PDB file of N, CA and C in Angstrom:
ATOM      1  N   UNK A   1      33.763  -6.499  -9.371  1.00  0.00           N
ATOM      2  CA  UNK A   1      33.235  -5.216  -8.944  1.00  0.00           C
ATOM      3  C   UNK A   1      31.752  -5.151  -9.333  1.00  0.00           C
ATOM      4  N   UNK A   2      30.893  -4.733  -8.422  1.00  0.00           N
ATOM      5  CA  UNK A   2      29.463  -4.678  -8.684  1.00  0.00           C
ATOM      6  C   UNK A   2      29.108  -3.472  -9.560  1.00  0.00           C
ATOM      7  N   UNK A   3      27.934  -3.540 -10.144  1.00  0.00           N
ATOM      8  CA  UNK A   3      27.421  -2.425 -10.952  1.00  0.00           C
ATOM      9  C   UNK A   3      27.375  -1.145 -10.116  1.00  0.00           C
ATOM     10  N   UNK A   4      26.933  -1.280  -8.873  1.00  0.00           N
ATOM     11  CA  UNK A   4      26.841  -0.143  -7.961  1.00  0.00           C
ATOM     12  C   UNK A   4      28.212   0.495  -7.752  1.00  0.00           C
ATOM     13  N   UNK A   5      29.243  -0.327  -7.515  1.00  0.00           N
ATOM     14  CA  UNK A   5      30.595   0.200  -7.318  1.00  0.00           C
ATOM     15  C   UNK A   5      31.103   0.884  -8.586  1.00  0.00           C
ATOM     16  N   UNK A   6      30.836   0.286  -9.746  1.00  0.00           N
ATOM     17  CA  UNK A   6      31.267   0.906 -11.005  1.00  0.00           C
ATOM     18  C   UNK A   6      30.597   2.263 -11.198  1.00  0.00           C
ATOM     19  N   UNK A   7      29.308   2.340 -10.875  1.00  0.00           N
ATOM     20  CA  UNK A   7      28.591   3.609 -11.006  1.00  0.00           C
ATOM     21  C   UNK A   7      29.189   4.674 -10.089  1.00  0.00           C
ATOM     22  N   UNK A   8      29.495   4.315  -8.864  1.00  0.00           N
ATOM     23  CA  UNK A   8      30.081   5.276  -7.931  1.00  0.00           C
ATOM     24  C   UNK A   8      31.456   5.730  -8.405  1.00  0.00           C
ATOM     25  N   UNK A   9      32.264   4.780  -8.856  1.00  0.00           N
ATOM     26  CA  UNK A   9      33.607   5.125  -9.322  1.00  0.00           C
ATOM     27  C   UNK A   9      33.563   6.012 -10.561  1.00  0.00           C
ATOM     28  N   UNK A  10      32.547   5.831 -11.399  1.00  0.00           N
ATOM     29  CA  UNK A  10      32.421   6.633 -12.623  1.00  0.00           C
ATOM     30  C   UNK A  10      32.130   8.096 -12.317  1.00  0.00           C
ATOM     31  N   UNK A  11      31.633   8.369 -11.129  1.00  0.00           N
ATOM     32  CA  UNK A  11      31.312   9.756 -10.765  1.00  0.00           C
ATOM     33  C   UNK A  11      32.550  10.562 -10.409  1.00  0.00           C
ATOM     34  N   UNK A  12      33.669   9.900 -10.284  1.00  0.00           N
ATOM     35  CA  UNK A  12      34.895  10.614  -9.953  1.00  0.00           C
ATOM     36  C   UNK A  12      35.400  10.213  -8.586  1.00  0.00           C
ATOM     37  N   UNK A  13      36.575  10.699  -8.263  1.00  0.00           N
ATOM     38  CA  UNK A  13      37.191  10.302  -6.990  1.00  0.00           C
ATOM     39  C   UNK A  13      36.459  10.912  -5.788  1.00  0.00           C
ATOM     40  N   UNK A  14      36.390  10.134  -4.739  1.00  0.00           N
ATOM     41  CA  UNK A  14      35.844  10.601  -3.470  1.00  0.00           C
ATOM     42  C   UNK A  14      36.931  10.431  -2.418  1.00  0.00           C
ATOM     43  N   UNK A  15      36.937  11.320  -1.464  1.00  0.00           N
ATOM     44  CA  UNK A  15      37.906  11.235  -0.372  1.00  0.00           C
ATOM     45  C   UNK A  15      37.629   9.975   0.451  1.00  0.00           C
ATOM     46  N   UNK A  16      38.676   9.397   1.041  1.00  0.00           N
ATOM     47  CA  UNK A  16      38.489   8.183   1.841  1.00  0.00           C
ATOM     48  C   UNK A  16      37.440   8.330   2.943  1.00  0.00           C
ATOM     49  N   UNK A  17      37.361   9.501   3.578  1.00  0.00           N
ATOM     50  CA  UNK A  17      36.364   9.645   4.645  1.00  0.00           C
ATOM     51  C   UNK A  17      34.942   9.645   4.090  1.00  0.00           C
ATOM     52  N   UNK A  18      34.748  10.106   2.839  1.00  0.00           N
ATOM     53  CA  UNK A  18      33.421  10.044   2.220  1.00  0.00           C
ATOM     54  C   UNK A  18      33.044   8.586   1.927  1.00  0.00           C
ATOM     55  N   UNK A  19      34.015   7.800   1.409  1.00  0.00           N
ATOM     56  CA  UNK A  19      33.770   6.387   1.156  1.00  0.00           C
ATOM     57  C   UNK A  19      33.446   5.659   2.453  1.00  0.00           C
ATOM     58  N   UNK A  20      34.211   5.950   3.503  1.00  0.00           N
ATOM     59  CA  UNK A  20      33.997   5.276   4.787  1.00  0.00           C
ATOM     60  C   UNK A  20      32.633   5.628   5.365  1.00  0.00           C
ATOM     61  N   UNK A  21      32.233   6.892   5.237  1.00  0.00           N
ATOM     62  CA  UNK A  21      30.919   7.304   5.741  1.00  0.00           C
ATOM     63  C   UNK A  21      29.806   6.589   4.979  1.00  0.00           C
ATOM     64  N   UNK A  22      29.951   6.515   3.662  1.00  0.00           N
ATOM     65  CA  UNK A  22      28.949   5.827   2.837  1.00  0.00           C
ATOM     66  C   UNK A  22      28.874   4.350   3.218  1.00  0.00           C
ATOM     67  N   UNK A  23      30.026   3.715   3.350  1.00  0.00           N
ATOM     68  CA  UNK A  23      30.054   2.292   3.705  1.00  0.00           C
ATOM     69  C   UNK A  23      29.423   2.053   5.077  1.00  0.00           C
ATOM     70  N   UNK A  24      29.655   2.953   6.014  1.00  0.00           N
ATOM     71  CA  UNK A  24      29.107   2.798   7.366  1.00  0.00           C
ATOM     72  C   UNK A  24      27.582   2.912   7.381  1.00  0.00           C
ATOM     73  N   UNK A  25      27.026   3.591   6.382  1.00  0.00           N
ATOM     74  CA  UNK A  25      25.579   3.804   6.335  1.00  0.00           C
ATOM     75  C   UNK A  25      24.841   2.770   5.481  1.00  0.00           C
ATOM     76  N   UNK A  26      25.577   1.905   4.808  1.00  0.00           N
ATOM     77  CA  UNK A  26      24.965   0.852   3.989  1.00  0.00           C
ATOM     78  C   UNK A  26      24.770  -0.391   4.850  1.00  0.00           C
ATOM     79  N   UNK A  27      23.532  -0.824   4.964  1.00  0.00           N
ATOM     80  CA  UNK A  27      23.211  -1.984   5.783  1.00  0.00           C
ATOM     81  C   UNK A  27      22.652  -3.092   4.896  1.00  0.00           C
ATOM     82  N   UNK A  28      23.165  -4.291   5.068  1.00  0.00           N
ATOM     83  CA  UNK A  28      22.736  -5.426   4.267  1.00  0.00           C
ATOM     84  C   UNK A  28      21.316  -5.840   4.630  1.00  0.00           C
ATOM     85  N   UNK A  29      20.526  -6.137   3.592  1.00  0.00           N
ATOM     86  CA  UNK A  29      19.152  -6.611   3.753  1.00  0.00           C
ATOM     87  C   UNK A  29      18.991  -7.833   2.855  1.00  0.00           C
ATOM     88  N   UNK A  30      18.434  -8.893   3.396  1.00  0.00           N
ATOM     89  CA  UNK A  30      18.143 -10.094   2.609  1.00  0.00           C
ATOM     90  C   UNK A  30      16.637 -10.303   2.577  1.00  0.00           C
ATOM     91  N   UNK A  31      16.138 -10.654   1.395  1.00  0.00           N
ATOM     92  CA  UNK A  31      14.712 -10.921   1.231  1.00  0.00           C
ATOM     93  C   UNK A  31      14.577 -12.279   0.552  1.00  0.00           C
ATOM     94  N   UNK A  32      13.857 -13.185   1.191  1.00  0.00           N
ATOM     95  CA  UNK A  32      13.648 -14.526   0.641  1.00  0.00           C
ATOM     96  C   UNK A  32      12.617 -14.485  -0.486  1.00  0.00           C
ATOM     97  N   UNK A  33      12.768 -15.384  -1.430  1.00  0.00           N
ATOM     98  CA  UNK A  33      11.839 -15.487  -2.551  1.00  0.00           C
ATOM     99  C   UNK A  33      10.397 -15.539  -2.043  1.00  0.00           C
ATOM    100  N   UNK A  34       9.542 -14.700  -2.636  1.00  0.00           N
ATOM    101  CA  UNK A  34       8.129 -14.660  -2.275  1.00  0.00           C
ATOM    102  C   UNK A  34       7.810 -13.722  -1.119  1.00  0.00           C
ATOM    103  N   UNK A  35       8.833 -13.180  -0.472  1.00  0.00           N
ATOM    104  CA  UNK A  35       8.620 -12.284   0.671  1.00  0.00           C
ATOM    105  C   UNK A  35       8.669 -10.826   0.221  1.00  0.00           C
ATOM    106  N   UNK A  36       7.985  -9.956   0.969  1.00  0.00           N
ATOM    107  CA  UNK A  36       8.024  -8.529   0.618  1.00  0.00           C
ATOM    108  C   UNK A  36       9.283  -7.855   1.160  1.00  0.00           C
ATOM    109  N   UNK A  37       9.712  -6.820   0.473  1.00  0.00           N
ATOM    110  CA  UNK A  37      10.796  -5.967   0.966  1.00  0.00           C
ATOM    111  C   UNK A  37      10.166  -4.987   1.943  1.00  0.00           C
ATOM    112  N   UNK A  38      10.702  -4.904   3.132  1.00  0.00           N
ATOM    113  CA  UNK A  38      10.212  -3.965   4.139  1.00  0.00           C
ATOM    114  C   UNK A  38      11.123  -2.743   4.102  1.00  0.00           C
ATOM    115  N   UNK A  39      10.541  -1.610   3.775  1.00  0.00           N
ATOM    116  CA  UNK A  39      11.286  -0.363   3.729  1.00  0.00           C
ATOM    117  C   UNK A  39      10.426   0.765   4.248  1.00  0.00           C
ATOM    118  N   UNK A  40      11.037   1.886   4.458  1.00  0.00           N
ATOM    119  CA  UNK A  40      10.337   3.043   5.002  1.00  0.00           C
ATOM    120  C   UNK A  40      10.491   4.226   4.055  1.00  0.00           C
ATOM    121  N   UNK A  41       9.555   5.172   4.093  1.00  0.00           N
ATOM    122  CA  UNK A  41       9.653   6.345   3.213  1.00  0.00           C
ATOM    123  C   UNK A  41      11.014   7.028   3.341  1.00  0.00           C
ATOM    124  N   UNK A  42      11.629   7.278   2.189  1.00  0.00           N
ATOM    125  CA  UNK A  42      12.929   7.936   2.164  1.00  0.00           C
ATOM    126  C   UNK A  42      14.105   6.982   2.127  1.00  0.00           C
ATOM    127  N   UNK A  43      13.856   5.680   2.302  1.00  0.00           N
ATOM    128  CA  UNK A  43      14.936   4.695   2.232  1.00  0.00           C
ATOM    129  C   UNK A  43      15.426   4.565   0.799  1.00  0.00           C
ATOM    130  N   UNK A  44      16.709   4.282   0.677  1.00  0.00           N
ATOM    131  CA  UNK A  44      17.340   4.073  -0.620  1.00  0.00           C
ATOM    132  C   UNK A  44      17.945   2.672  -0.599  1.00  0.00           C
ATOM    133  N   UNK A  45      17.604   1.866  -1.607  1.00  0.00           N
ATOM    134  CA  UNK A  45      18.101   0.491  -1.696  1.00  0.00           C
ATOM    135  C   UNK A  45      18.909   0.314  -2.973  1.00  0.00           C
ATOM    136  N   UNK A  46      19.982  -0.454  -2.872  1.00  0.00           N
ATOM    137  CA  UNK A  46      20.808  -0.827  -4.016  1.00  0.00           C
ATOM    138  C   UNK A  46      20.706  -2.337  -4.132  1.00  0.00           C
ATOM    139  N   UNK A  47      20.213  -2.822  -5.251  1.00  0.00           N
ATOM    140  CA  UNK A  47      20.069  -4.257  -5.442  1.00  0.00           C
ATOM    141  C   UNK A  47      21.446  -4.849  -5.750  1.00  0.00           C
ATOM    142  N   UNK A  48      21.928  -5.673  -4.844  1.00  0.00           N
ATOM    143  CA  UNK A  48      23.241  -6.287  -5.012  1.00  0.00           C
ATOM    144  C   UNK A  48      23.131  -7.594  -5.797  1.00  0.00           C
ATOM    145  N   UNK A  49      22.154  -8.410  -5.447  1.00  0.00           N
ATOM    146  CA  UNK A  49      21.970  -9.707  -6.087  1.00  0.00           C
ATOM    147  C   UNK A  49      20.499 -10.083  -5.979  1.00  0.00           C
ATOM    148  N   UNK A  50      19.949 -10.675  -7.027  1.00  0.00           N
ATOM    149  CA  UNK A  50      18.576 -11.152  -6.982  1.00  0.00           C
ATOM    150  C   UNK A  50      17.653 -10.338  -7.859  1.00  0.00           C
ATOM    151  N   UNK A  51      16.351 -10.491  -7.616  1.00  0.00           N
ATOM    152  CA  UNK A  51      15.335  -9.851  -8.441  1.00  0.00           C
ATOM    153  C   UNK A  51      14.119  -9.521  -7.595  1.00  0.00           C
ATOM    154  N   UNK A  52      13.673  -8.274  -7.682  1.00  0.00           N
ATOM    155  CA  UNK A  52      12.446  -7.830  -7.009  1.00  0.00           C
ATOM    156  C   UNK A  52      11.439  -7.428  -8.063  1.00  0.00           C
ATOM    157  N   UNK A  53      10.163  -7.662  -7.776  1.00  0.00           N
ATOM    158  CA  UNK A  53       9.127  -7.162  -8.660  1.00  0.00           C
ATOM    159  C   UNK A  53       8.266  -6.180  -7.876  1.00  0.00           C
ATOM    160  N   UNK A  54       7.917  -5.099  -8.548  1.00  0.00           N
ATOM    161  CA  UNK A  54       7.024  -4.107  -7.961  1.00  0.00           C
ATOM    162  C   UNK A  54       5.613  -4.509  -8.355  1.00  0.00           C
ATOM    163  N   UNK A  55       4.744  -4.668  -7.378  1.00  0.00           N
ATOM    164  CA  UNK A  55       3.381  -5.104  -7.634  1.00  0.00           C
ATOM    165  C   UNK A  55       2.433  -3.956  -7.331  1.00  0.00           C
ATOM    166  N   UNK A  56       1.658  -3.573  -8.341  1.00  0.00           N
ATOM    167  CA  UNK A  56       0.698  -2.479  -8.199  1.00  0.00           C
ATOM    168  C   UNK A  56      -0.696  -3.087  -8.107  1.00  0.00           C
ATOM    169  N   UNK A  57      -1.443  -2.654  -7.105  1.00  0.00           N
ATOM    170  CA  UNK A  57      -2.799  -3.172  -6.916  1.00  0.00           C
ATOM    171  C   UNK A  57      -3.650  -2.877  -8.138  1.00  0.00           C
ATOM    172  N   UNK A  58      -4.538  -3.802  -8.469  1.00  0.00           N
ATOM    173  CA  UNK A  58      -5.438  -3.616  -9.598  1.00  0.00           C
ATOM    174  C   UNK A  58      -6.562  -2.647  -9.271  1.00  0.00           C
ATOM    175  N   UNK A  59      -7.202  -2.166 -10.311  1.00  0.00           N
ATOM    176  CA  UNK A  59      -8.342  -1.251 -10.169  1.00  0.00           C
ATOM    177  C   UNK A  59      -9.562  -1.867 -10.836  1.00  0.00           C
ATOM    178  N   UNK A  60     -10.676  -1.197 -10.720  1.00  0.00           N
ATOM    179  CA  UNK A  60     -11.906  -1.665 -11.347  1.00  0.00           C
ATOM    180  C   UNK A  60     -11.712  -1.825 -12.855  1.00  0.00           C
ATOM    181  N   UNK A  61     -10.971  -0.898 -13.458  1.00  0.00           N
ATOM    182  CA  UNK A  61     -10.749  -0.930 -14.909  1.00  0.00           C
ATOM    183  C   UNK A  61     -10.075  -2.226 -15.347  1.00  0.00           C
ATOM    184  N   UNK A  62      -9.106  -2.708 -14.575  1.00  0.00           N
ATOM    185  CA  UNK A  62      -8.408  -3.945 -14.956  1.00  0.00           C
ATOM    186  C   UNK A  62      -8.892  -5.150 -14.152  1.00  0.00           C
ATOM    187  N   UNK A  63     -10.121  -5.041 -13.649  1.00  0.00           N
ATOM    188  CA  UNK A  63     -10.773  -6.130 -12.901  1.00  0.00           C
ATOM    189  C   UNK A  63      -9.988  -6.541 -11.662  1.00  0.00           C
ATOM    190  N   UNK A  64      -9.328  -5.566 -11.056  1.00  0.00           N
ATOM    191  CA  UNK A  64      -8.585  -5.744  -9.809  1.00  0.00           C
ATOM    192  C   UNK A  64      -7.424  -6.727  -9.921  1.00  0.00           C
ATOM    193  N   UNK A  65      -6.951  -6.943 -11.150  1.00  0.00           N
ATOM    194  CA  UNK A  65      -5.759  -7.774 -11.340  1.00  0.00           C
ATOM    195  C   UNK A  65      -4.527  -6.920 -11.079  1.00  0.00           C
ATOM    196  N   UNK A  66      -3.634  -7.405 -10.233  1.00  0.00           N
ATOM    197  CA  UNK A  66      -2.416  -6.632  -9.988  1.00  0.00           C
ATOM    198  C   UNK A  66      -1.535  -6.614 -11.243  1.00  0.00           C
ATOM    199  N   UNK A  67      -0.744  -5.562 -11.372  1.00  0.00           N
ATOM    200  CA  UNK A  67       0.199  -5.467 -12.487  1.00  0.00           C
ATOM    201  C   UNK A  67       1.615  -5.354 -11.923  1.00  0.00           C
ATOM    202  N   UNK A  68       2.583  -5.584 -12.777  1.00  0.00           N
ATOM    203  CA  UNK A  68       3.991  -5.483 -12.379  1.00  0.00           C
ATOM    204  C   UNK A  68       4.622  -4.407 -13.257  1.00  0.00           C
ATOM    205  N   UNK A  69       4.659  -3.145 -12.757  1.00  0.00           N
ATOM    206  CA  UNK A  69       5.190  -2.054 -13.579  1.00  0.00           C
ATOM    207  C   UNK A  69       6.696  -2.095 -13.801  1.00  0.00           C
ATOM    208  N   UNK A  70       7.437  -2.760 -12.920  1.00  0.00           N
ATOM    209  CA  UNK A  70       8.881  -2.850 -13.148  1.00  0.00           C
ATOM    210  C   UNK A  70       9.501  -3.973 -12.323  1.00  0.00           C
ATOM    211  N   UNK A  71      10.659  -4.407 -12.820  1.00  0.00           N
ATOM    212  CA  UNK A  71      11.489  -5.388 -12.119  1.00  0.00           C
ATOM    213  C   UNK A  71      12.790  -4.707 -11.736  1.00  0.00           C
ATOM    214  N   UNK A  72      13.297  -5.024 -10.562  1.00  0.00           N
ATOM    215  CA  UNK A  72      14.561  -4.466 -10.080  1.00  0.00           C
ATOM    216  C   UNK A  72      15.575  -5.592  -9.999  1.00  0.00           C
ATOM    217  N   UNK A  73      16.646  -5.462 -10.766  1.00  0.00           N
ATOM    218  CA  UNK A  73      17.673  -6.498 -10.837  1.00  0.00           C
ATOM    219  C   UNK A  73      18.978  -5.960 -10.263  1.00  0.00           C
ATOM    220  N   UNK A  74      20.011  -6.788 -10.303  1.00  0.00           N
ATOM    221  CA  UNK A  74      21.320  -6.394  -9.786  1.00  0.00           C
ATOM    222  C   UNK A  74      21.756  -5.056 -10.363  1.00  0.00           C
ATOM    223  N   UNK A  75      22.171  -4.154  -9.470  1.00  0.00           N
ATOM    224  CA  UNK A  75      22.647  -2.840  -9.882  1.00  0.00           C
ATOM    225  C   UNK A  75      21.577  -1.773  -9.893  1.00  0.00           C
ATOM    226  N   UNK A  76      20.297  -2.161  -9.813  1.00  0.00           N
ATOM    227  CA  UNK A  76      19.229  -1.165  -9.826  1.00  0.00           C
ATOM    228  C   UNK A  76      19.104  -0.487  -8.465  1.00  0.00           C
ATOM    229  N   UNK A  77      18.646   0.744  -8.523  1.00  0.00           N
ATOM    230  CA  UNK A  77      18.459   1.560  -7.325  1.00  0.00           C
ATOM    231  C   UNK A  77      16.969   1.750  -7.100  1.00  0.00           C
ATOM    232  N   UNK A  78      16.552   1.671  -5.852  1.00  0.00           N
ATOM    233  CA  UNK A  78      15.155   1.858  -5.485  1.00  0.00           C
ATOM    234  C   UNK A  78      15.081   2.926  -4.404  1.00  0.00           C
ATOM    235  N   UNK A  79      14.263   3.931  -4.631  1.00  0.00           N
ATOM    236  CA  UNK A  79      13.993   4.960  -3.628  1.00  0.00           C
ATOM    237  C   UNK A  79      12.537   4.828  -3.232  1.00  0.00           C
ATOM    238  N   UNK A  80      12.262   4.713  -1.946  1.00  0.00           N
ATOM    239  CA  UNK A  80      10.879   4.630  -1.478  1.00  0.00           C
ATOM    240  C   UNK A  80      10.391   6.053  -1.236  1.00  0.00           C
ATOM    241  N   UNK A  81       9.394   6.492  -2.006  1.00  0.00           N
ATOM    242  CA  UNK A  81       8.936   7.885  -1.897  1.00  0.00           C
ATOM    243  C   UNK A  81       8.428   8.226  -0.497  1.00  0.00           C
ATOM    244  N   UNK A  82       8.615   9.487  -0.146  1.00  0.00           N
ATOM    245  CA  UNK A  82       8.165   9.964   1.158  1.00  0.00           C
ATOM    246  C   UNK A  82       6.650  10.131   1.154  1.00  0.00           C
ATOM    247  N   UNK A  83       6.087  10.488   0.011  1.00  0.00           N
ATOM    248  CA  UNK A  83       4.634  10.648  -0.082  1.00  0.00           C
ATOM    249  C   UNK A  83       4.144   9.998  -1.371  1.00  0.00           C
ATOM    250  N   UNK A  84       2.850   9.870  -1.485  1.00  0.00           N
ATOM    251  CA  UNK A  84       2.265   9.277  -2.677  1.00  0.00           C
ATOM    252  C   UNK A  84       2.072   7.783  -2.528  1.00  0.00           C
ATOM    253  N   UNK A  85       1.595   7.172  -3.596  1.00  0.00           N
ATOM    254  CA  UNK A  85       1.311   5.745  -3.587  1.00  0.00           C
ATOM    255  C   UNK A  85       2.595   4.928  -3.528  1.00  0.00           C
ATOM    256  N   UNK A  86       2.580   3.930  -2.688  1.00  0.00           N
ATOM    257  CA  UNK A  86       3.706   3.004  -2.598  1.00  0.00           C
ATOM    258  C   UNK A  86       3.220   1.626  -3.008  1.00  0.00           C
ATOM    259  N   UNK A  87       3.884   1.027  -3.946  1.00  0.00           N
ATOM    260  CA  UNK A  87       3.542  -0.317  -4.375  1.00  0.00           C
ATOM    261  C   UNK A  87       4.292  -1.330  -3.529  1.00  0.00           C
ATOM    262  N   UNK A  88       3.815  -2.557  -3.547  1.00  0.00           N
ATOM    263  CA  UNK A  88       4.474  -3.638  -2.828  1.00  0.00           C
ATOM    264  C   UNK A  88       5.665  -4.110  -3.641  1.00  0.00           C
ATOM    265  N   UNK A  89       6.750  -4.407  -2.975  1.00  0.00           N
ATOM    266  CA  UNK A  89       7.937  -4.970  -3.616  1.00  0.00           C
ATOM    267  C   UNK A  89       8.133  -6.376  -3.077  1.00  0.00           C
ATOM    268  N   UNK A  90       8.181  -7.340  -3.987  1.00  0.00           N
ATOM    269  CA  UNK A  90       8.282  -8.741  -3.606  1.00  0.00           C
ATOM    270  C   UNK A  90       9.482  -9.381  -4.302  1.00  0.00           C
ATOM    271  N   UNK A  91      10.194 -10.210  -3.580  1.00  0.00           N
ATOM    272  CA  UNK A  91      11.357 -10.892  -4.151  1.00  0.00           C
ATOM    273  C   UNK A  91      10.894 -12.028  -5.057  1.00  0.00           C
ATOM    274  N   UNK A  92      11.325 -11.988  -6.318  1.00  0.00           N
ATOM    275  CA  UNK A  92      11.037 -13.074  -7.251  1.00  0.00           C
ATOM    276  C   UNK A  92      12.040 -14.208  -7.074  1.00  0.00           C
ATOM    277  N   UNK A  93      13.150 -13.893  -6.452  1.00  0.00           N
ATOM    278  CA  UNK A  93      14.163 -14.876  -6.077  1.00  0.00           C
ATOM    279  C   UNK A  93      14.867 -14.319  -4.848  1.00  0.00           C
ATOM    280  N   UNK A  94      15.632 -15.142  -4.173  1.00  0.00           N
ATOM    281  CA  UNK A  94      16.361 -14.650  -3.002  1.00  0.00           C
ATOM    282  C   UNK A  94      17.168 -13.418  -3.429  1.00  0.00           C
ATOM    283  N   UNK A  95      17.050 -12.350  -2.655  1.00  0.00           N
ATOM    284  CA  UNK A  95      17.623 -11.064  -3.048  1.00  0.00           C
ATOM    285  C   UNK A  95      18.422 -10.462  -1.902  1.00  0.00           C
ATOM    286  N   UNK A  96      19.550  -9.857  -2.256  1.00  0.00           N
ATOM    287  CA  UNK A  96      20.386  -9.145  -1.289  1.00  0.00           C
ATOM    288  C   UNK A  96      20.485  -7.694  -1.735  1.00  0.00           C
ATOM    289  N   UNK A  97      20.290  -6.790  -0.786  1.00  0.00           N
ATOM    290  CA  UNK A  97      20.330  -5.366  -1.076  1.00  0.00           C
ATOM    291  C   UNK A  97      21.175  -4.648  -0.041  1.00  0.00           C
ATOM    292  N   UNK A  98      21.548  -3.425  -0.372  1.00  0.00           N
ATOM    293  CA  UNK A  98      22.149  -2.510   0.590  1.00  0.00           C
ATOM    294  C   UNK A  98      21.138  -1.406   0.825  1.00  0.00           C
ATOM    295  N   UNK A  99      20.930  -1.056   2.082  1.00  0.00           N
ATOM    296  CA  UNK A  99      19.946  -0.031   2.439  1.00  0.00           C
ATOM    297  C   UNK A  99      20.647   1.146   3.090  1.00  0.00           C
ATOM    298  N   UNK A 100      20.267   2.346   2.631  1.00  0.00           N
ATOM    299  CA  UNK A 100      20.660   3.583   3.302  1.00  0.00           C
ATOM    300  C   UNK A 100      19.353   4.222   3.767  1.00  0.00           C
ATOM    301  N   UNK A 101      19.203   4.369   5.066  1.00  0.00           N
ATOM    302  CA  UNK A 101      17.959   4.931   5.606  1.00  0.00           C
ATOM    303  C   UNK A 101      17.845   6.414   5.256  1.00  0.00           C
ATOM    304  N   UNK A 102      16.657   6.925   5.366  1.00  0.00           N
ATOM    305  CA  UNK A 102      16.422   8.350   5.105  1.00  0.00           C
ATOM    306  C   UNK A 102      17.292   9.215   6.025  1.00  0.00           C
ATOM    307  N   UNK A 103      17.350   8.844   7.305  1.00  0.00           N
ATOM    308  CA  UNK A 103      18.147   9.628   8.258  1.00  0.00           C
ATOM    309  C   UNK A 103      19.621   9.615   7.883  1.00  0.00           C
ATOM    310  N   UNK A 104      20.129   8.431   7.500  1.00  0.00           N
ATOM    311  CA  UNK A 104      21.537   8.343   7.095  1.00  0.00           C
ATOM    312  C   UNK A 104      21.793   9.137   5.819  1.00  0.00           C
ATOM    313  N   UNK A 105      20.853   9.092   4.899  1.00  0.00           N
ATOM    314  CA  UNK A 105      20.991   9.836   3.649  1.00  0.00           C
ATOM    315  C   UNK A 105      21.082  11.336   3.911  1.00  0.00           C
ATOM    316  N   UNK A 106      20.241  11.824   4.795  1.00  0.00           N
ATOM    317  CA  UNK A 106      20.257  13.251   5.152  1.00  0.00           C
ATOM    318  C   UNK A 106      21.600  13.597   5.797  1.00  0.00           C
ATOM    319  N   UNK A 107      22.061  12.744   6.717  1.00  0.00           N
ATOM    320  CA  UNK A 107      23.341  12.976   7.378  1.00  0.00           C
ATOM    321  C   UNK A 107      24.492  12.981   6.376  1.00  0.00           C
ATOM    322  N   UNK A 108      24.507  11.999   5.470  1.00  0.00           N
ATOM    323  CA  UNK A 108      25.573  11.918   4.478  1.00  0.00           C
ATOM    324  C   UNK A 108      25.612  13.166   3.592  1.00  0.00           C
ATOM    325  N   UNK A 109      24.447  13.621   3.184  1.00  0.00           N
ATOM    326  CA  UNK A 109      24.391  14.808   2.319  1.00  0.00           C
ATOM    327  C   UNK A 109      24.853  16.065   3.056  1.00  0.00           C
ATOM    328  N   UNK A 110      24.519  16.141   4.323  1.00  0.00           N
ATOM    329  CA  UNK A 110      24.878  17.323   5.114  1.00  0.00           C
ATOM    330  C   UNK A 110      26.362  17.346   5.460  1.00  0.00           C
ATOM    331  N   UNK A 111      26.868  16.212   5.929  1.00  0.00           N
ATOM    332  CA  UNK A 111      28.237  16.171   6.441  1.00  0.00           C
ATOM    333  C   UNK A 111      29.293  15.752   5.411  1.00  0.00           C
ATOM    334  N   UNK A 112      28.845  15.288   4.264  1.00  0.00           N
ATOM    335  CA  UNK A 112      29.771  14.852   3.202  1.00  0.00           C
ATOM    336  C   UNK A 112      29.265  15.394   1.862  1.00  0.00           C
ATOM    337  N   UNK A 113      29.422  16.694   1.629  1.00  0.00           N
ATOM    338  CA  UNK A 113      28.876  17.333   0.420  1.00  0.00           C
ATOM    339  C   UNK A 113      29.223  16.647  -0.900  1.00  0.00           C
ATOM    340  N   UNK A 114      30.406  16.029  -1.067  1.00  0.00           N
ATOM    341  CA  UNK A 114      30.665  15.347  -2.342  1.00  0.00           C
ATOM    342  C   UNK A 114      29.668  14.213  -2.634  1.00  0.00           C
ATOM    343  N   UNK A 115      29.033  13.687  -1.596  1.00  0.00           N
ATOM    344  CA  UNK A 115      28.073  12.602  -1.799  1.00  0.00           C
ATOM    345  C   UNK A 115      26.728  13.099  -2.326  1.00  0.00           C
ATOM    346  N   UNK A 116      26.476  14.400  -2.268  1.00  0.00           N
ATOM    347  CA  UNK A 116      25.221  14.946  -2.802  1.00  0.00           C
ATOM    348  C   UNK A 116      25.093  14.591  -4.278  1.00  0.00           C
ATOM    349  N   UNK A 117      26.165  14.803  -5.027  1.00  0.00           N
ATOM    350  CA  UNK A 117      26.157  14.482  -6.460  1.00  0.00           C
ATOM    351  C   UNK A 117      25.954  12.983  -6.685  1.00  0.00           C
ATOM    352  N   UNK A 118      26.535  12.165  -5.839  1.00  0.00           N
ATOM    353  CA  UNK A 118      26.377  10.710  -5.956  1.00  0.00           C
ATOM    354  C   UNK A 118      24.912  10.342  -5.813  1.00  0.00           C
ATOM    355  N   UNK A 119      24.243  10.860  -4.773  1.00  0.00           N
ATOM    356  CA  UNK A 119      22.838  10.541  -4.553  1.00  0.00           C
ATOM    357  C   UNK A 119      21.967  11.061  -5.694  1.00  0.00           C
ATOM    358  N   UNK A 120      22.230  12.271  -6.159  1.00  0.00           N
ATOM    359  CA  UNK A 120      21.439  12.816  -7.263  1.00  0.00           C
ATOM    360  C   UNK A 120      21.579  11.950  -8.507  1.00  0.00           C
ATOM    361  N   UNK A 121      22.795  11.494  -8.781  1.00  0.00           N
ATOM    362  CA  UNK A 121      23.031  10.632  -9.944  1.00  0.00           C
ATOM    363  C   UNK A 121      22.279   9.300  -9.777  1.00  0.00           C
ATOM    364  N   UNK A 122      22.360   8.708  -8.611  1.00  0.00           N
ATOM    365  CA  UNK A 122      21.705   7.423  -8.383  1.00  0.00           C
ATOM    366  C   UNK A 122      20.201   7.523  -8.512  1.00  0.00           C
ATOM    367  N   UNK A 123      19.616   8.644  -8.110  1.00  0.00           N
ATOM    368  CA  UNK A 123      18.165   8.798  -8.166  1.00  0.00           C
ATOM    369  C   UNK A 123      17.658   9.110  -9.569  1.00  0.00           C
ATOM    370  N   UNK A 124      18.555   9.329 -10.513  1.00  0.00           N
ATOM    371  CA  UNK A 124      18.141   9.555 -11.897  1.00  0.00           C
ATOM    372  C   UNK A 124      17.719   8.276 -12.599  1.00  0.00           C
ATOM    373  N   UNK A 125      18.013   7.112 -12.024  1.00  0.00           N
ATOM    374  CA  UNK A 125      17.710   5.831 -12.655  1.00  0.00           C
ATOM    375  C   UNK A 125      16.262   5.733 -12.994  1.00  0.00           C
TER     376      UNK A 125
END
């Protein structure tokens, strides 16, 4: 059982139709080592396997050297902000993720209210 599945199960029981709706909205994404993760504002990613690094562009203060503010490993959740600065995400090794698009997330929250708590919990990471 994956970390993601354990986290969902820990939130309590969900009706079968809520599970089916969530599963239908999760789309597999593979990113090869050294390649960027392509995502859109509002997308939610669950790292299933592999490692991503977030790369932040350097500034004059740090002589334009990029920094790596965080690494995303198996079980980590990534939300791409709708506004504000977005850093580049690059695979440090071959990585597999599950993606829920912004549109699917809105639909799931509207039509499956028990999933609202699930999303709020996941975004606390």
